[in-house]
Amino acid sequence: MGFDWDLFLLLTRDIPENLDRNKGKQPIPKEIKELVKRRDNNRCRLCGRNKNLIIHHIIPNGSSEPNNLVTLCRRCHVVVHQILAISGKWKEVNYHILNR
């Protein structure tokens, strides 16, 4: 499985420019997290890793419906958030999560 560049662009470039950075994202219920992981075959949708998985909001302050969620590994999650932070589109993720 190769890297999914189309999804990467969706997660980093195709984010609405006018997001309200003060609006919190909806919490993701445990049942929805499990549903999304099963849908994504318990793998990172970007790189294919199957460890240290996180459910990520496609639209950062959007809903927690499955169609706005994707499974990422911690490494890809940090990369996506770093690009969003550098571009000014969303918040940065703390680097300490890589060491868990």
N, C-alpha and C. Protein backbone atom coordinates (compact mmCIF):
# COMPACT_ATOMS: atom_id res chain seq x y z
N MET A 1 0.85 -1.19 0.00
CA MET A 1 0.00 0.00 0.00
C MET A 1 0.88 1.24 0.00
N GLY A 2 0.64 2.15 -0.93
CA GLY A 2 1.41 3.39 -0.99
C GLY A 2 0.73 4.50 -0.21
N PHE A 3 1.41 5.60 -0.14
CA PHE A 3 0.89 6.77 0.58
C PHE A 3 -0.28 7.35 -0.21
N ASP A 4 -1.34 7.73 0.47
CA ASP A 4 -2.54 8.27 -0.18
C ASP A 4 -2.42 9.80 -0.29
N TRP A 5 -1.84 10.25 -1.39
CA TRP A 5 -1.61 11.68 -1.59
C TRP A 5 -2.91 12.46 -1.77
N ASP A 6 -3.92 11.85 -2.36
CA ASP A 6 -5.20 12.56 -2.53
C ASP A 6 -5.82 12.88 -1.17
N LEU A 7 -5.81 11.90 -0.27
CA LEU A 7 -6.32 12.15 1.08
C LEU A 7 -5.46 13.17 1.81
N PHE A 8 -4.15 13.08 1.65
CA PHE A 8 -3.25 14.05 2.28
C PHE A 8 -3.60 15.48 1.86
N LEU A 9 -3.84 15.68 0.58
CA LEU A 9 -4.21 17.02 0.09
C LEU A 9 -5.56 17.44 0.65
N LEU A 10 -6.51 16.51 0.74
CA LEU A 10 -7.80 16.82 1.33
C LEU A 10 -7.63 17.29 2.78
N LEU A 11 -6.77 16.61 3.53
CA LEU A 11 -6.59 16.92 4.95
C LEU A 11 -5.76 18.17 5.21
N THR A 12 -4.94 18.58 4.26
CA THR A 12 -4.02 19.70 4.50
C THR A 12 -4.28 20.92 3.63
N ARG A 13 -4.76 20.72 2.44
CA ARG A 13 -4.93 21.85 1.52
C ARG A 13 -6.39 22.23 1.34
N ASP A 14 -7.26 21.26 1.29
CA ASP A 14 -8.65 21.51 0.94
C ASP A 14 -9.52 21.81 2.16
N ILE A 15 -8.94 22.46 3.16
CA ILE A 15 -9.65 22.85 4.38
C ILE A 15 -10.21 24.26 4.16
N PRO A 16 -11.46 24.50 4.54
CA PRO A 16 -12.00 25.86 4.38
C PRO A 16 -11.11 26.90 5.06
N GLU A 17 -10.92 28.01 4.38
CA GLU A 17 -10.04 29.07 4.90
C GLU A 17 -10.64 29.81 6.09
N ASN A 18 -11.94 29.79 6.23
CA ASN A 18 -12.61 30.63 7.22
C ASN A 18 -13.05 29.86 8.47
N LEU A 19 -12.30 28.84 8.87
CA LEU A 19 -12.68 28.08 10.06
C LEU A 19 -12.61 28.95 11.31
N ASP A 20 -13.55 28.78 12.18
CA ASP A 20 -13.55 29.47 13.47
C ASP A 20 -12.62 28.71 14.42
N ARG A 21 -11.42 29.26 14.63
CA ARG A 21 -10.43 28.57 15.47
C ARG A 21 -10.85 28.51 16.93
N ASN A 22 -11.85 29.30 17.32
CA ASN A 22 -12.32 29.26 18.71
C ASN A 22 -13.38 28.20 18.93
N LYS A 23 -13.96 27.73 17.86
CA LYS A 23 -15.00 26.71 17.97
C LYS A 23 -14.33 25.36 18.22
N GLY A 24 -14.75 24.69 19.26
CA GLY A 24 -14.19 23.38 19.55
C GLY A 24 -14.82 22.32 18.67
N LYS A 25 -14.03 21.30 18.38
CA LYS A 25 -14.60 20.20 17.60
C LYS A 25 -15.46 19.34 18.51
N GLN A 26 -16.40 18.65 17.92
CA GLN A 26 -17.28 17.78 18.69
C GLN A 26 -16.48 16.58 19.20
N PRO A 27 -16.71 16.18 20.44
CA PRO A 27 -16.07 14.95 20.91
C PRO A 27 -16.56 13.76 20.08
N ILE A 28 -15.71 12.76 19.97
CA ILE A 28 -16.05 11.58 19.18
C ILE A 28 -16.46 10.46 20.14
N PRO A 29 -17.70 10.03 20.09
CA PRO A 29 -18.12 8.93 20.96
C PRO A 29 -17.33 7.65 20.64
N LYS A 30 -17.13 6.84 21.66
CA LYS A 30 -16.36 5.61 21.52
C LYS A 30 -16.90 4.72 20.40
N GLU A 31 -18.22 4.63 20.30
CA GLU A 31 -18.84 3.78 19.28
C GLU A 31 -18.47 4.27 17.87
N ILE A 32 -18.44 5.58 17.69
CA ILE A 32 -18.09 6.15 16.38
C ILE A 32 -16.62 5.89 16.09
N LYS A 33 -15.75 6.05 17.10
CA LYS A 33 -14.32 5.76 16.89
C LYS A 33 -14.13 4.33 16.41
N GLU A 34 -14.79 3.40 17.06
CA GLU A 34 -14.66 1.99 16.69
C GLU A 34 -15.21 1.74 15.28
N LEU A 35 -16.33 2.37 14.95
CA LEU A 35 -16.92 2.23 13.62
C LEU A 35 -15.96 2.73 12.54
N VAL A 36 -15.33 3.91 12.78
CA VAL A 36 -14.40 4.49 11.81
C VAL A 36 -13.16 3.62 11.67
N LYS A 37 -12.64 3.12 12.78
CA LYS A 37 -11.46 2.23 12.69
C LYS A 37 -11.78 0.98 11.88
N ARG A 38 -12.96 0.39 12.13
CA ARG A 38 -13.36 -0.81 11.36
C ARG A 38 -13.49 -0.46 9.87
N ARG A 39 -14.15 0.67 9.60
CA ARG A 39 -14.33 1.10 8.20
C ARG A 39 -12.98 1.27 7.51
N ASP A 40 -12.00 1.80 8.26
CA ASP A 40 -10.67 2.06 7.70
C ASP A 40 -9.72 0.87 7.89
N ASN A 41 -10.28 -0.31 8.19
CA ASN A 41 -9.52 -1.55 8.33
C ASN A 41 -8.42 -1.47 9.39
N ASN A 42 -8.66 -0.68 10.45
CA ASN A 42 -7.69 -0.54 11.55
C ASN A 42 -6.30 -0.18 11.04
N ARG A 43 -6.27 0.72 10.08
CA ARG A 43 -5.00 1.18 9.50
C ARG A 43 -5.06 2.69 9.27
N CYS A 44 -3.89 3.30 9.28
CA CYS A 44 -3.79 4.72 8.91
C CYS A 44 -4.17 4.84 7.44
N ARG A 45 -5.10 5.72 7.15
CA ARG A 45 -5.55 5.89 5.78
C ARG A 45 -4.50 6.57 4.90
N LEU A 46 -3.49 7.20 5.51
CA LEU A 46 -2.44 7.82 4.71
C LEU A 46 -1.31 6.84 4.40
N CYS A 47 -0.74 6.21 5.42
CA CYS A 47 0.46 5.41 5.21
C CYS A 47 0.25 3.91 5.37
N GLY A 48 -0.87 3.50 5.96
CA GLY A 48 -1.15 2.09 6.11
C GLY A 48 -0.70 1.45 7.41
N ARG A 49 -0.03 2.22 8.28
CA ARG A 49 0.38 1.64 9.57
C ARG A 49 -0.84 1.19 10.36
N ASN A 50 -0.63 0.19 11.23
CA ASN A 50 -1.75 -0.30 12.04
C ASN A 50 -1.49 -0.14 13.53
N LYS A 51 -0.58 0.75 13.91
CA LYS A 51 -0.29 1.00 15.32
C LYS A 51 -0.51 2.47 15.65
N ASN A 52 -0.82 2.72 16.93
CA ASN A 52 -0.97 4.10 17.43
C ASN A 52 -1.96 4.91 16.60
N LEU A 53 -3.15 4.38 16.46
CA LEU A 53 -4.16 5.02 15.60
C LEU A 53 -4.97 6.08 16.36
N ILE A 54 -5.29 7.13 15.63
CA ILE A 54 -6.04 8.27 16.14
C ILE A 54 -7.14 8.57 15.13
N ILE A 55 -8.29 8.96 15.62
CA ILE A 55 -9.37 9.37 14.72
C ILE A 55 -9.26 10.89 14.55
N HIS A 56 -9.16 11.32 13.30
CA HIS A 56 -8.92 12.72 12.95
C HIS A 56 -10.15 13.30 12.26
N HIS A 57 -10.50 14.54 12.62
CA HIS A 57 -11.58 15.27 11.94
C HIS A 57 -11.05 15.81 10.61
N ILE A 58 -11.73 15.51 9.53
CA ILE A 58 -11.32 16.01 8.22
C ILE A 58 -11.47 17.52 8.17
N ILE A 59 -12.65 18.03 8.53
CA ILE A 59 -12.84 19.46 8.74
C ILE A 59 -12.57 19.67 10.23
N PRO A 60 -11.48 20.35 10.58
CA PRO A 60 -11.02 20.36 11.98
C PRO A 60 -12.06 20.70 13.04
N ASN A 61 -12.91 21.66 12.81
CA ASN A 61 -13.90 21.96 13.85
C ASN A 61 -15.29 21.52 13.41
N GLY A 62 -15.30 20.50 12.59
CA GLY A 62 -16.56 19.99 12.08
C GLY A 62 -17.18 18.93 12.97
N SER A 63 -18.14 18.28 12.43
CA SER A 63 -18.91 17.30 13.19
C SER A 63 -18.10 16.03 13.43
N SER A 64 -18.61 15.22 14.32
CA SER A 64 -18.00 13.92 14.60
C SER A 64 -18.80 12.80 13.96
N GLU A 65 -19.38 13.09 12.82
CA GLU A 65 -20.04 12.05 12.02
C GLU A 65 -18.97 11.27 11.27
N PRO A 66 -19.18 9.99 11.03
CA PRO A 66 -18.16 9.18 10.36
C PRO A 66 -17.65 9.74 9.03
N ASN A 67 -18.51 10.45 8.28
CA ASN A 67 -18.05 11.00 6.99
C ASN A 67 -17.09 12.17 7.15
N ASN A 68 -16.90 12.68 8.38
CA ASN A 68 -15.93 13.74 8.63
C ASN A 68 -14.75 13.23 9.46
N LEU A 69 -14.60 11.92 9.54
CA LEU A 69 -13.55 11.32 10.36
C LEU A 69 -12.72 10.36 9.53
N VAL A 70 -11.45 10.27 9.89
CA VAL A 70 -10.53 9.36 9.22
C VAL A 70 -9.54 8.83 10.25
N THR A 71 -9.09 7.59 10.06
CA THR A 71 -8.11 6.99 10.94
C THR A 71 -6.70 7.35 10.45
N LEU A 72 -5.88 7.91 11.37
CA LEU A 72 -4.49 8.22 11.07
C LEU A 72 -3.61 7.63 12.17
N CYS A 73 -2.37 7.29 11.83
CA CYS A 73 -1.41 6.92 12.87
C CYS A 73 -0.91 8.23 13.51
N ARG A 74 -0.27 8.12 14.66
CA ARG A 74 0.20 9.33 15.35
C ARG A 74 1.14 10.15 14.49
N ARG A 75 2.04 9.48 13.78
CA ARG A 75 3.02 10.23 12.96
C ARG A 75 2.32 11.05 11.88
N CYS A 76 1.42 10.41 11.14
CA CYS A 76 0.70 11.15 10.09
C CYS A 76 -0.18 12.24 10.69
N HIS A 77 -0.76 11.97 11.85
CA HIS A 77 -1.60 12.96 12.52
C HIS A 77 -0.80 14.21 12.86
N VAL A 78 0.40 14.01 13.38
CA VAL A 78 1.25 15.16 13.72
C VAL A 78 1.64 15.92 12.45
N VAL A 79 2.01 15.21 11.39
CA VAL A 79 2.38 15.87 10.14
C VAL A 79 1.23 16.70 9.61
N VAL A 80 0.03 16.13 9.59
CA VAL A 80 -1.14 16.87 9.10
C VAL A 80 -1.35 18.13 9.92
N HIS A 81 -1.29 18.02 11.26
CA HIS A 81 -1.52 19.19 12.09
C HIS A 81 -0.39 20.22 11.98
N GLN A 82 0.83 19.77 11.76
CA GLN A 82 1.93 20.73 11.57
C GLN A 82 1.71 21.53 10.30
N ILE A 83 1.30 20.87 9.24
CA ILE A 83 1.04 21.58 7.98
C ILE A 83 -0.14 22.54 8.15
N LEU A 84 -1.19 22.10 8.83
CA LEU A 84 -2.32 22.98 9.09
C LEU A 84 -1.90 24.19 9.92
N ALA A 85 -1.02 23.98 10.90
CA ALA A 85 -0.55 25.09 11.74
C ALA A 85 0.32 26.05 10.94
N ILE A 86 1.24 25.52 10.15
CA ILE A 86 2.13 26.37 9.35
C ILE A 86 1.33 27.19 8.35
N SER A 87 0.31 26.58 7.77
CA SER A 87 -0.51 27.29 6.78
C SER A 87 -1.51 28.23 7.44
N GLY A 88 -1.62 28.18 8.78
CA GLY A 88 -2.56 29.04 9.49
C GLY A 88 -4.00 28.54 9.43
N LYS A 89 -4.19 27.30 8.99
CA LYS A 89 -5.55 26.78 8.86
C LYS A 89 -6.08 26.16 10.14
N TRP A 90 -5.21 25.65 11.01
CA TRP A 90 -5.67 25.05 12.25
C TRP A 90 -4.54 24.98 13.25
N LYS A 91 -4.81 24.35 14.37
CA LYS A 91 -3.89 24.32 15.50
C LYS A 91 -2.85 23.21 15.35
N GLU A 92 -1.76 23.42 16.02
CA GLU A 92 -0.67 22.46 16.05
C GLU A 92 -0.97 21.35 17.06
N VAL A 93 -0.42 20.19 16.85
CA VAL A 93 -0.51 19.09 17.81
C VAL A 93 0.81 19.03 18.56
N ASN A 94 0.75 18.75 19.85
CA ASN A 94 1.98 18.63 20.63
C ASN A 94 2.83 17.48 20.14
N TYR A 95 4.13 17.70 20.04
CA TYR A 95 5.05 16.67 19.58
C TYR A 95 5.15 15.50 20.55
N HIS A 96 4.84 15.70 21.83
CA HIS A 96 5.03 14.62 22.81
C HIS A 96 4.21 13.38 22.49
N ILE A 97 3.18 13.49 21.67
CA ILE A 97 2.40 12.30 21.38
C ILE A 97 3.18 11.29 20.54
N LEU A 98 4.24 11.71 19.90
CA LEU A 98 5.05 10.77 19.12
C LEU A 98 5.79 9.79 20.01
N ASN A 99 6.02 10.16 21.26
CA ASN A 99 6.82 9.32 22.14
C ASN A 99 5.99 8.35 22.98
N ARG A 100 4.71 8.27 22.74
CA ARG A 100 3.86 7.34 23.51
C ARG A 100 3.99 5.93 23.00
